[in-house]
N, C-alpha and C. Protein backbone atom coordinates (compact mmCIF):
# COMPACT_ATOMS: atom_id res chain seq x y z
N TYR A 1 1.13 -1.13 0.35
CA TYR A 1 0.07 0.64 -0.03
C TYR A 1 0.83 0.90 -0.16
N GLU A 2 0.55 2.76 -0.40
CA GLU A 2 0.82 3.58 -0.71
C GLU A 2 1.25 3.93 0.49
N SER A 3 -0.01 3.99 1.68
CA SER A 3 0.73 4.59 2.74
C SER A 3 -0.16 3.80 3.91
N ARG A 4 -0.24 3.85 5.34
CA ARG A 4 -0.41 3.77 6.39
C ARG A 4 -2.25 3.62 6.13
N GLU A 5 -2.68 4.72 6.12
CA GLU A 5 -4.15 5.46 5.59
C GLU A 5 -4.49 4.32 4.21
N ASP A 6 -3.72 4.15 3.62
CA ASP A 6 -4.44 3.58 2.30
C ASP A 6 -4.45 1.42 2.72
N SER A 7 -3.48 1.79 3.30
CA SER A 7 -3.60 0.65 4.10
C SER A 7 -4.99 -0.22 5.16
N ASP A 8 -5.26 1.09 5.82
CA ASP A 8 -6.27 1.10 6.50
C ASP A 8 -7.92 0.88 6.01
N LYS A 9 -7.70 1.97 4.79
CA LYS A 9 -8.76 1.94 4.19
C LYS A 9 -9.33 0.24 3.67
N HIS A 10 -8.42 -0.07 2.86
CA HIS A 10 -8.42 -1.31 1.72
C HIS A 10 -8.92 -2.56 3.33
N LYS A 11 -8.70 -2.54 4.63
CA LYS A 11 -8.56 -3.37 5.45
C LYS A 11 -10.25 -2.95 6.10
N LYS A 12 -10.75 -1.93 6.04
CA LYS A 12 -11.83 -1.46 6.22
C LYS A 12 -12.69 -2.09 5.24
N LEU A 13 -11.79 -1.76 3.95
CA LEU A 13 -13.21 -2.65 2.84
C LEU A 13 -13.21 -3.60 2.93
N GLY A 14 -12.14 -4.52 3.28
CA GLY A 14 -12.16 -6.16 3.38
C GLY A 14 -13.00 -6.40 4.46
N TRP A 15 -13.02 -6.32 5.37
CA TRP A 15 -14.07 -6.26 6.66
C TRP A 15 -15.68 -6.00 5.84
N GLN A 16 -15.55 -4.94 5.52
CA GLN A 16 -17.44 -4.35 5.16
C GLN A 16 -17.53 -5.79 3.61
N ALA A 17 -16.71 -5.94 3.10
CA ALA A 17 -16.96 -7.19 1.84
C ALA A 17 -17.46 -8.50 2.90
N LEU A 18 -16.10 -9.02 3.52
CA LEU A 18 -16.15 -10.08 4.59
C LEU A 18 -17.98 -10.26 4.97
N LYS A 19 -17.96 -8.98 5.65
CA LYS A 19 -19.53 -9.37 6.21
C LYS A 19 -20.87 -9.84 5.60
N LYS A 20 -21.09 -8.97 4.22
CA LYS A 20 -21.54 -9.13 3.16
C LYS A 20 -21.89 -10.23 2.59
N TYR A 21 -20.23 -10.63 2.34
CA TYR A 21 -20.55 -11.98 1.88
C TYR A 21 -20.56 -12.77 2.36
N TYR A 22 -20.87 -12.89 4.08
CA TYR A 22 -21.13 -14.01 4.58
C TYR A 22 -22.66 -13.76 4.72
N GLU A 23 -23.13 -12.67 5.01
CA GLU A 23 -24.53 -12.47 4.79
C GLU A 23 -25.66 -13.46 3.81
N LYS A 24 -24.53 -13.33 2.53
CA LYS A 24 -25.02 -13.36 1.30
C LYS A 24 -25.26 -15.11 1.57
N LEU A 25 -24.14 -15.43 1.95
CA LEU A 25 -23.68 -17.53 1.93
C LEU A 25 -24.39 -18.11 3.49
N LYS A 26 -25.14 -17.54 4.71
CA LYS A 26 -25.06 -17.57 5.72
C LYS A 26 -26.54 -18.47 5.76
N ASN A 27 -27.68 -18.75 4.92
CA ASN A 27 -28.69 -19.28 4.69
C ASN A 27 -28.49 -20.50 4.00
N THR A 28 -27.84 -20.27 2.55
CA THR A 28 -27.35 -21.41 1.82
C THR A 28 -25.61 -21.96 1.65
N PRO A 29 -24.92 -22.18 2.76
CA PRO A 29 -23.74 -22.23 2.78
C PRO A 29 -23.27 -23.50 1.44
N PRO A 30 -21.81 -22.98 1.31
CA PRO A 30 -21.38 -23.97 -0.15
C PRO A 30 -21.50 -25.27 0.80
N LYS A 31 -20.76 -25.99 -0.08
CA LYS A 31 -20.07 -27.47 0.31
C LYS A 31 -19.05 -27.55 -0.30
N PRO A 32 -18.19 -26.66 0.12
CA PRO A 32 -16.59 -27.15 -0.09
C PRO A 32 -15.98 -29.05 -0.27
N ILE A 33 -15.43 -29.12 -0.95
CA ILE A 33 -14.46 -30.48 -1.00
C ILE A 33 -13.04 -29.99 -0.28
N PHE A 34 -12.41 -29.07 -0.99
CA PHE A 34 -11.10 -28.19 -0.97
C PHE A 34 -11.19 -27.32 -0.36
N LEU A 35 -10.78 -26.73 0.59
CA LEU A 35 -9.88 -25.68 0.86
C LEU A 35 -8.51 -25.26 0.53
N GLU A 36 -7.66 -24.04 0.20
CA GLU A 36 -6.70 -23.79 0.00
C GLU A 36 -5.51 -25.33 -0.14
N GLN A 37 -5.98 -25.55 -1.08
CA GLN A 37 -5.76 -26.87 -1.49
C GLN A 37 -4.44 -26.93 -2.25
N GLU A 38 -3.37 -26.78 -2.06
CA GLU A 38 -1.86 -27.31 -2.60
C GLU A 38 -1.75 -28.02 -3.72
N PHE A 39 -1.20 -27.89 -4.77
CA PHE A 39 -1.26 -29.08 -5.74
C PHE A 39 0.69 -28.26 -5.99
N THR A 40 1.11 -29.59 -6.86
CA THR A 40 2.35 -29.36 -8.22
C THR A 40 1.99 -30.38 -9.39
N LEU A 41 2.45 -29.24 -10.33
CA LEU A 41 1.86 -29.90 -11.42
C LEU A 41 2.48 -30.18 -12.15
N LYS A 42 3.42 -30.77 -12.89
CA LYS A 42 4.19 -31.38 -13.81
C LYS A 42 4.03 -30.88 -15.30
N PHE A 43 5.24 -30.02 -15.85
CA PHE A 43 5.90 -29.52 -17.49
C PHE A 43 6.88 -30.53 -17.69
N GLY A 44 6.52 -31.49 -18.03
CA GLY A 44 8.06 -31.75 -18.48
C GLY A 44 8.52 -32.49 -17.70
N GLY A 45 9.89 -31.87 -17.08
CA GLY A 45 10.59 -32.10 -15.86
C GLY A 45 10.46 -31.02 -15.00
N ASP A 46 9.96 -30.39 -15.24
CA ASP A 46 9.84 -28.90 -14.26
C ASP A 46 8.36 -28.81 -13.51
N SER A 47 8.18 -28.43 -12.64
CA SER A 47 7.23 -28.77 -11.49
C SER A 47 6.40 -26.77 -11.72
N PHE A 48 5.39 -26.67 -11.19
CA PHE A 48 4.40 -25.75 -11.09
C PHE A 48 3.50 -25.84 -10.01
N ARG A 49 3.88 -24.96 -8.78
CA ARG A 49 3.34 -24.83 -7.73
C ARG A 49 2.32 -24.20 -7.35
N GLY A 50 1.01 -24.09 -7.00
CA GLY A 50 0.07 -23.46 -6.92
C GLY A 50 -0.78 -23.66 -5.49
N VAL A 51 -1.78 -22.56 -5.35
CA VAL A 51 -2.63 -22.94 -4.16
C VAL A 51 -4.55 -22.57 -4.49
N ILE A 52 -5.23 -23.58 -4.87
CA ILE A 52 -6.59 -23.76 -5.00
C ILE A 52 -7.41 -23.19 -3.64
N ASP A 53 -8.24 -21.86 -3.87
CA ASP A 53 -8.66 -21.34 -2.60
C ASP A 53 -9.92 -21.86 -2.47
N ARG A 54 -10.89 -22.49 -3.46
CA ARG A 54 -12.20 -23.33 -3.14
C ARG A 54 -12.53 -24.24 -4.12
N ILE A 55 -12.84 -25.65 -3.82
CA ILE A 55 -13.28 -26.58 -4.69
C ILE A 55 -14.45 -27.11 -3.75
N ASP A 56 -15.96 -26.89 -5.01
CA ASP A 56 -16.85 -27.36 -4.00
C ASP A 56 -17.16 -28.68 -4.46
N ASP A 57 -18.23 -29.43 -3.92
CA ASP A 57 -18.81 -30.53 -4.47
C ASP A 57 -19.78 -30.34 -5.55
N GLY A 58 -19.59 -31.02 -6.78
CA GLY A 58 -20.09 -31.00 -8.22
C GLY A 58 -18.86 -30.09 -9.15
N GLY A 59 -17.61 -29.64 -8.51
CA GLY A 59 -16.44 -29.75 -9.15
C GLY A 59 -16.51 -28.00 -9.58
N ILE A 60 -17.03 -27.69 -8.72
CA ILE A 60 -16.99 -25.99 -8.50
C ILE A 60 -15.48 -25.40 -8.15
N ILE A 61 -14.88 -24.72 -8.83
CA ILE A 61 -13.83 -23.94 -8.63
C ILE A 61 -13.66 -22.49 -8.34
N MET A 62 -13.59 -22.27 -7.24
CA MET A 62 -13.50 -20.67 -7.03
C MET A 62 -12.13 -20.38 -6.64
N ASP A 63 -12.15 -18.97 -7.14
CA ASP A 63 -10.79 -18.22 -6.98
C ASP A 63 -11.49 -16.50 -6.41
N TYR A 64 -10.86 -16.21 -5.27
CA TYR A 64 -11.03 -15.06 -4.49
C TYR A 64 -10.69 -14.18 -5.08
N LYS A 65 -10.96 -13.03 -5.43
CA LYS A 65 -10.24 -11.83 -5.94
C LYS A 65 -10.65 -10.87 -5.02
N THR A 66 -9.57 -9.73 -4.35
CA THR A 66 -9.96 -8.72 -3.64
C THR A 66 -9.74 -7.00 -4.63
N GLY A 67 -9.07 -7.18 -5.49
CA GLY A 67 -8.60 -6.36 -6.72
C GLY A 67 -9.68 -5.65 -7.60
N SER A 68 -9.60 -5.08 -8.50
CA SER A 68 -10.97 -4.37 -9.16
C SER A 68 -11.52 -5.46 -10.08
N LEU A 69 -12.32 -5.35 -10.44
CA LEU A 69 -12.99 -6.10 -11.69
C LEU A 69 -12.65 -5.94 -12.85
N PRO A 70 -12.64 -7.26 -13.78
CA PRO A 70 -12.48 -6.84 -14.86
C PRO A 70 -13.21 -5.92 -16.00
N LYS A 71 -11.74 -5.27 -16.62
CA LYS A 71 -12.50 -4.54 -17.28
C LYS A 71 -13.47 -4.54 -18.55
N GLY A 72 -14.28 -3.92 -18.57
CA GLY A 72 -15.62 -4.02 -19.90
C GLY A 72 -16.34 -5.48 -19.15
N ASP A 73 -16.11 -5.75 -17.99
CA ASP A 73 -17.37 -6.46 -17.43
C ASP A 73 -16.79 -7.90 -17.86
N LYS A 74 -15.29 -8.13 -18.84
CA LYS A 74 -15.56 -9.62 -19.69
C LYS A 74 -14.47 -9.82 -19.23
N LEU A 75 -14.65 -11.52 -18.94
CA LEU A 75 -13.23 -12.34 -18.70
C LEU A 75 -12.23 -12.13 -19.60
N SER A 76 -10.76 -11.58 -20.14
CA SER A 76 -9.36 -11.69 -20.47
C SER A 76 -9.03 -13.35 -19.95
N LEU A 77 -8.32 -13.75 -21.68
CA LEU A 77 -7.65 -15.24 -20.67
C LEU A 77 -6.56 -14.87 -19.64
N ASP A 78 -5.84 -13.09 -19.61
CA ASP A 78 -5.45 -12.98 -18.27
C ASP A 78 -6.39 -13.28 -17.09
N ASP A 79 -7.42 -13.10 -17.13
CA ASP A 79 -8.18 -13.15 -16.00
C ASP A 79 -8.43 -14.45 -15.83
N LYS A 80 -8.53 -15.51 -16.98
CA LYS A 80 -9.21 -16.98 -16.44
C LYS A 80 -7.75 -17.36 -15.92
N GLU A 81 -6.58 -17.00 -16.04
CA GLU A 81 -5.43 -17.81 -16.45
C GLU A 81 -5.49 -18.91 -15.25
N GLN A 82 -5.49 -18.22 -14.22
CA GLN A 82 -5.36 -18.69 -12.80
C GLN A 82 -6.19 -19.79 -12.78
N LEU A 83 -7.29 -19.55 -12.74
CA LEU A 83 -8.29 -20.80 -12.83
C LEU A 83 -8.45 -21.86 -13.66
N LEU A 84 -7.90 -21.45 -14.75
CA LEU A 84 -7.64 -22.48 -15.68
C LEU A 84 -6.78 -23.48 -15.48
N ILE A 85 -5.82 -22.76 -14.69
CA ILE A 85 -4.39 -23.62 -14.05
C ILE A 85 -4.92 -24.49 -12.85
N TYR A 86 -5.70 -23.85 -12.18
CA TYR A 86 -6.65 -24.84 -11.31
C TYR A 86 -7.29 -25.92 -12.08
N HIS A 87 -7.82 -25.52 -12.87
CA HIS A 87 -8.59 -26.83 -13.80
C HIS A 87 -7.96 -27.63 -13.95
N LEU A 88 -6.67 -27.34 -15.15
CA LEU A 88 -5.28 -28.60 -15.04
C LEU A 88 -5.49 -29.52 -13.91
N ALA A 89 -4.70 -28.82 -12.87
CA ALA A 89 -4.23 -29.26 -11.90
C ALA A 89 -5.61 -30.39 -10.45
N SER A 90 -6.85 -29.51 -10.97
CA SER A 90 -7.89 -30.43 -10.28
C SER A 90 -8.08 -31.91 -10.73
N LYS A 91 -8.01 -31.87 -12.06
CA LYS A 91 -8.59 -33.04 -12.90
C LYS A 91 -7.64 -33.93 -13.38
N GLU A 92 -6.15 -33.24 -13.26
CA GLU A 92 -4.98 -34.54 -12.98
C GLU A 92 -4.28 -34.64 -11.89
N LEU A 93 -4.25 -33.94 -10.56
CA LEU A 93 -3.92 -34.40 -9.12
C LEU A 93 -5.21 -34.99 -8.33
N MET A 94 -6.13 -34.37 -8.71
CA MET A 94 -7.77 -34.78 -7.91
C MET A 94 -8.64 -35.84 -8.36
N ASN A 95 -8.40 -36.04 -9.91
CA ASN A 95 -9.61 -36.56 -10.42
C ASN A 95 -11.00 -35.96 -10.06
N ILE A 96 -10.82 -34.96 -10.02
CA ILE A 96 -12.21 -34.15 -10.00
C ILE A 96 -12.55 -33.28 -12.14
N GLU A 97 -13.53 -33.54 -11.98
CA GLU A 97 -13.66 -32.90 -12.97
C GLU A 97 -14.29 -31.78 -13.33
N PRO A 98 -13.88 -30.44 -13.44
CA PRO A 98 -14.61 -29.21 -12.93
C PRO A 98 -16.02 -28.92 -14.49
N GLN A 99 -16.67 -28.45 -13.31
CA GLN A 99 -18.04 -28.32 -14.28
C GLN A 99 -17.74 -26.74 -14.30
N LYS A 100 -17.74 -26.01 -13.33
CA LYS A 100 -17.64 -24.56 -13.51
C LYS A 100 -16.24 -23.55 -12.79
N LEU A 101 -15.76 -22.93 -13.25
CA LEU A 101 -15.07 -21.54 -12.60
C LEU A 101 -15.51 -20.78 -12.30
N ILE A 102 -14.70 -20.45 -11.02
CA ILE A 102 -15.83 -18.82 -11.12
C ILE A 102 -14.78 -18.07 -10.06
N LEU A 103 -14.49 -16.78 -10.59
CA LEU A 103 -13.96 -15.51 -10.52
C LEU A 103 -14.75 -14.70 -9.55
N ASN A 104 -14.19 -14.82 -8.12
CA ASN A 104 -15.29 -14.14 -7.29
C ASN A 104 -15.04 -13.00 -6.47
N TYR A 105 -15.38 -11.58 -7.18
CA TYR A 105 -14.65 -10.83 -6.60
C TYR A 105 -15.41 -10.03 -5.64
N ILE A 106 -14.43 -9.75 -4.64
CA ILE A 106 -15.47 -10.01 -2.75
C ILE A 106 -15.74 -7.96 -2.64
N ILE A 107 -14.85 -7.72 -2.79
CA ILE A 107 -15.13 -5.97 -2.87
C ILE A 107 -16.33 -5.52 -3.93
N GLY A 108 -15.85 -6.24 -5.04
CA GLY A 108 -17.05 -5.71 -6.28
C GLY A 108 -17.91 -6.27 -5.94
N GLU A 109 -18.36 -7.17 -5.24
CA GLU A 109 -19.24 -8.10 -4.94
C GLU A 109 -19.91 -8.74 -6.51
N LYS A 110 -19.11 -9.34 -6.82
CA LYS A 110 -19.37 -9.88 -8.63
C LYS A 110 -19.20 -11.12 -9.01
N GLU A 111 -19.65 -12.17 -9.34
CA GLU A 111 -19.01 -13.39 -9.72
C GLU A 111 -18.85 -13.46 -11.32
N TYR A 112 -17.88 -13.83 -11.61
CA TYR A 112 -17.73 -14.45 -13.00
C TYR A 112 -17.69 -15.82 -13.35
N PRO A 113 -18.48 -16.47 -13.76
CA PRO A 113 -18.90 -18.00 -14.11
C PRO A 113 -18.51 -18.21 -14.94
N PHE A 114 -17.50 -19.02 -15.60
CA PHE A 114 -17.09 -19.75 -16.73
C PHE A 114 -16.95 -21.27 -17.16
N GLU A 115 -16.92 -21.74 -18.05
CA GLU A 115 -16.62 -23.13 -18.25
C GLU A 115 -15.25 -22.77 -19.16
N ALA A 116 -13.92 -23.45 -18.48
CA ALA A 116 -12.76 -24.00 -19.28
C ALA A 116 -12.93 -24.50 -20.90
N THR A 117 -12.68 -24.18 -22.14
CA THR A 117 -12.88 -24.66 -23.17
C THR A 117 -11.38 -25.06 -23.61
N ILE A 118 -10.95 -25.92 -24.20
CA ILE A 118 -10.08 -26.93 -24.58
C ILE A 118 -9.35 -25.82 -25.25
N LYS A 119 -9.64 -24.42 -26.05
CA LYS A 119 -9.02 -23.69 -26.87
C LYS A 119 -8.15 -23.08 -25.92
N ASP A 120 -8.86 -22.67 -24.63
CA ASP A 120 -8.32 -21.73 -23.58
C ASP A 120 -7.41 -22.57 -22.74
N ILE A 121 -7.04 -23.79 -22.79
CA ILE A 121 -6.40 -24.86 -21.69
C ILE A 121 -5.11 -24.78 -22.30
N GLU A 122 -5.83 -24.82 -24.02
CA GLU A 122 -4.11 -25.25 -24.76
C GLU A 122 -3.60 -24.27 -24.37
N LYS A 123 -3.75 -22.90 -24.72
CA LYS A 123 -3.38 -21.70 -24.58
C LYS A 123 -2.57 -21.56 -23.12
N ILE A 124 -2.91 -22.09 -22.10
CA ILE A 124 -2.49 -21.64 -21.19
C ILE A 124 -0.69 -22.39 -20.74
N GLN A 125 -1.81 -23.81 -21.22
CA GLN A 125 -0.58 -24.66 -21.12
C GLN A 125 0.95 -24.45 -22.18
N GLU A 126 0.49 -23.74 -23.16
CA GLU A 126 1.68 -23.31 -24.33
C GLU A 126 2.67 -21.90 -23.28
N ARG A 127 1.55 -21.08 -22.53
CA ARG A 127 2.18 -19.87 -21.45
C ARG A 127 3.17 -20.38 -20.77
N ILE A 128 2.56 -21.33 -19.85
CA ILE A 128 3.27 -21.66 -19.24
C ILE A 128 4.53 -22.60 -19.89
N LEU A 129 4.61 -23.19 -20.63
CA LEU A 129 5.65 -23.70 -21.17
C LEU A 129 6.67 -22.96 -21.83
N ASN A 130 6.04 -21.71 -22.29
CA ASN A 130 6.80 -20.53 -23.28
C ASN A 130 7.43 -20.18 -21.58
N ASP A 131 7.09 -19.45 -20.46
CA ASP A 131 7.41 -18.82 -19.52
C ASP A 131 8.47 -19.91 -18.57
N ILE A 132 8.57 -21.20 -18.38
CA ILE A 132 9.15 -21.76 -18.06
C ILE A 132 10.39 -22.01 -18.81
N ALA A 133 10.60 -21.94 -20.23
CA ALA A 133 12.17 -21.30 -21.12
C ALA A 133 12.23 -20.44 -20.68
N LYS A 134 12.01 -19.19 -20.73
CA LYS A 134 12.19 -17.79 -20.52
C LYS A 134 13.22 -17.22 -19.12
N ILE A 135 12.30 -18.46 -17.89
CA ILE A 135 13.02 -18.98 -16.78
C ILE A 135 14.07 -19.38 -16.92
N LYS A 136 14.42 -20.65 -17.63
CA LYS A 136 15.73 -21.22 -17.89
C LYS A 136 16.29 -20.31 -18.51
N SER A 137 16.03 -19.61 -19.57
CA SER A 137 17.13 -18.89 -20.68
C SER A 137 17.39 -17.52 -19.76
N SER A 138 16.90 -17.06 -18.70
CA SER A 138 17.16 -16.26 -17.85
C SER A 138 16.39 -14.68 -18.92
N ASP A 139 15.60 -14.75 -19.03
CA ASP A 139 15.04 -13.91 -20.45
C ASP A 139 13.49 -12.94 -19.43
N PHE A 140 14.48 -12.28 -18.73
CA PHE A 140 13.17 -11.19 -18.41
C PHE A 140 13.22 -9.94 -18.73
N LYS A 141 13.21 -9.56 -19.83
CA LYS A 141 12.97 -8.16 -20.65
C LYS A 141 11.72 -7.60 -19.93
N GLU A 142 11.97 -6.47 -19.46
CA GLU A 142 10.39 -5.75 -19.66
C GLU A 142 9.48 -5.99 -20.28
N LYS A 143 8.51 -6.18 -20.17
CA LYS A 143 7.28 -5.86 -21.18
C LYS A 143 5.62 -5.09 -20.60
N PRO A 144 6.10 -4.01 -20.50
CA PRO A 144 4.89 -3.06 -19.63
C PRO A 144 4.04 -3.83 -20.79
N GLY A 145 2.58 -3.77 -19.91
CA GLY A 145 0.90 -3.72 -20.55
C GLY A 145 0.32 -3.48 -19.25
N ASP A 146 -1.39 -3.62 -19.86
CA ASP A 146 -1.51 -3.51 -18.12
C ASP A 146 -1.63 -4.52 -17.63
N HIS A 147 -1.69 -5.83 -18.20
CA HIS A 147 -2.11 -6.79 -17.13
C HIS A 147 -0.38 -7.02 -16.11
N GLU A 148 0.59 -6.78 -16.57
CA GLU A 148 1.76 -7.44 -16.30
C GLU A 148 2.35 -5.65 -15.04
N CYS A 149 1.78 -4.78 -15.54
CA CYS A 149 2.28 -3.47 -14.94
C CYS A 149 1.51 -3.28 -13.34
N LYS A 150 0.32 -4.16 -13.40
CA LYS A 150 -1.25 -3.52 -12.83
C LYS A 150 -0.47 -4.59 -11.53
N PHE A 151 0.32 -5.66 -11.14
CA PHE A 151 0.66 -6.65 -10.10
C PHE A 151 2.36 -5.86 -9.96
N CYS A 152 2.90 -5.01 -10.48
CA CYS A 152 4.57 -4.73 -10.36
C CYS A 152 4.52 -4.26 -9.00
N ASP A 153 5.53 -4.62 -8.36
CA ASP A 153 6.18 -3.80 -7.22
C ASP A 153 6.41 -2.58 -7.22
N TYR A 154 7.05 -2.23 -8.87
CA TYR A 154 7.92 -0.87 -8.75
C TYR A 154 7.07 -0.21 -10.03
N LYS A 155 5.70 -0.83 -10.21
CA LYS A 155 4.99 0.66 -10.93
C LYS A 155 4.72 1.97 -10.97
N ASN A 156 4.86 2.59 -9.47
CA ASN A 156 4.74 3.99 -9.27
C ASN A 156 6.50 4.78 -9.87
N ILE A 157 7.30 3.76 -10.11
CA ILE A 157 8.75 4.20 -10.12
C ILE A 157 8.90 4.31 -11.66
N CYS A 158 8.49 2.89 -12.10
CA CYS A 158 9.14 2.60 -13.82
C CYS A 158 9.09 3.50 -14.86
N GLU A 159 10.35 3.55 -15.66
CA GLU A 159 9.92 4.34 -17.04
C GLU A 159 9.36 3.61 -18.24
N HIS A 160 8.65 2.37 -17.80
CA HIS A 160 8.13 1.79 -18.94
C HIS A 160 6.73 1.81 -18.30
N ARG A 161 6.32 1.98 -17.44
CA ARG A 161 4.97 1.79 -16.77
C ARG A 161 3.65 1.99 -17.57
N LYS A 162 2.83 1.36 -17.70
CA LYS A 162 1.35 1.70 -18.98
C LYS A 162 0.22 2.34 -18.60
């Protein structure tokens, strides 16, 4: 956070969002079969680790977000990437056939459900393999863009920021 005040503001927003979310679910609570489920996927000889927020009975995979809502209210491949990786992990490692993937923006009080397409899964697998190759070759060139800059720790001082 930029300052202590900014941190306090976000903490307050977080508590408010959590209370609203609890009220929304208290009468019909979800039936999770996994919470904070760690996984390690193998791509060739390389490992890829992660943690899935929640998997509900019936193959519903939920990823909680506290950031801003997607632009234009439509999910891009970048928005879907994490859940598509969770789709791969749950299918391959947990023998779960995902039926629905949901990005849940707690503060924005909006859910974005979608189904994984073969095309999107293939794109994500290709992206992961390309990223592994870049890491192995120490290819860490800056590539400014909305998605990359949004999560960069240096976005406020970088001459390349978008």
